[in-house]
Amino acid sequence: MHQEEIELEVLRSIGKVTSQRTIADKIGYSVGKVNYVLKKLVEKGFVKADRFVNSDNKIQYKYLLTTDGIKQKVLITEKFIKIKKEEYDRLQKEMKNYENMYDLSNLNTSSNK
């Protein structure tokens, strides 16, 4: 996964989850990686981190997307969709080439069940 994809996953998680550990568990990365990405997103002005004391008197952070963060989330999502569409088109073309190369045009995938 590229850095932008990780940023997108973190941006998508903000507002739905409450801690770095929860974000890390949700997207499948270490807490350290999530911490690093969140710090960079805060530095860029995409995320705002507010400190608060929870019911156990522990200091935690609440993460909020800024207006720029919302815009960045949209931009990265659009870029990601474009990349995935191109990948899909390449795979479709490759599959068509295999069908032509191996004369699989009459292949019925339901017969393989």
Foldseek 3Di string as FASTA:
>chain_A
DDLLVLLLLLLVCAPVDAALCVSCVVVVHDSVVSVVSVVVCVVVVQKDWDWDQDPVRDIGIHIDGDPVNVVSSVVSVVVVVVVVVVVVVVVVVVVVVVCVVVVCPVPDPVVVD
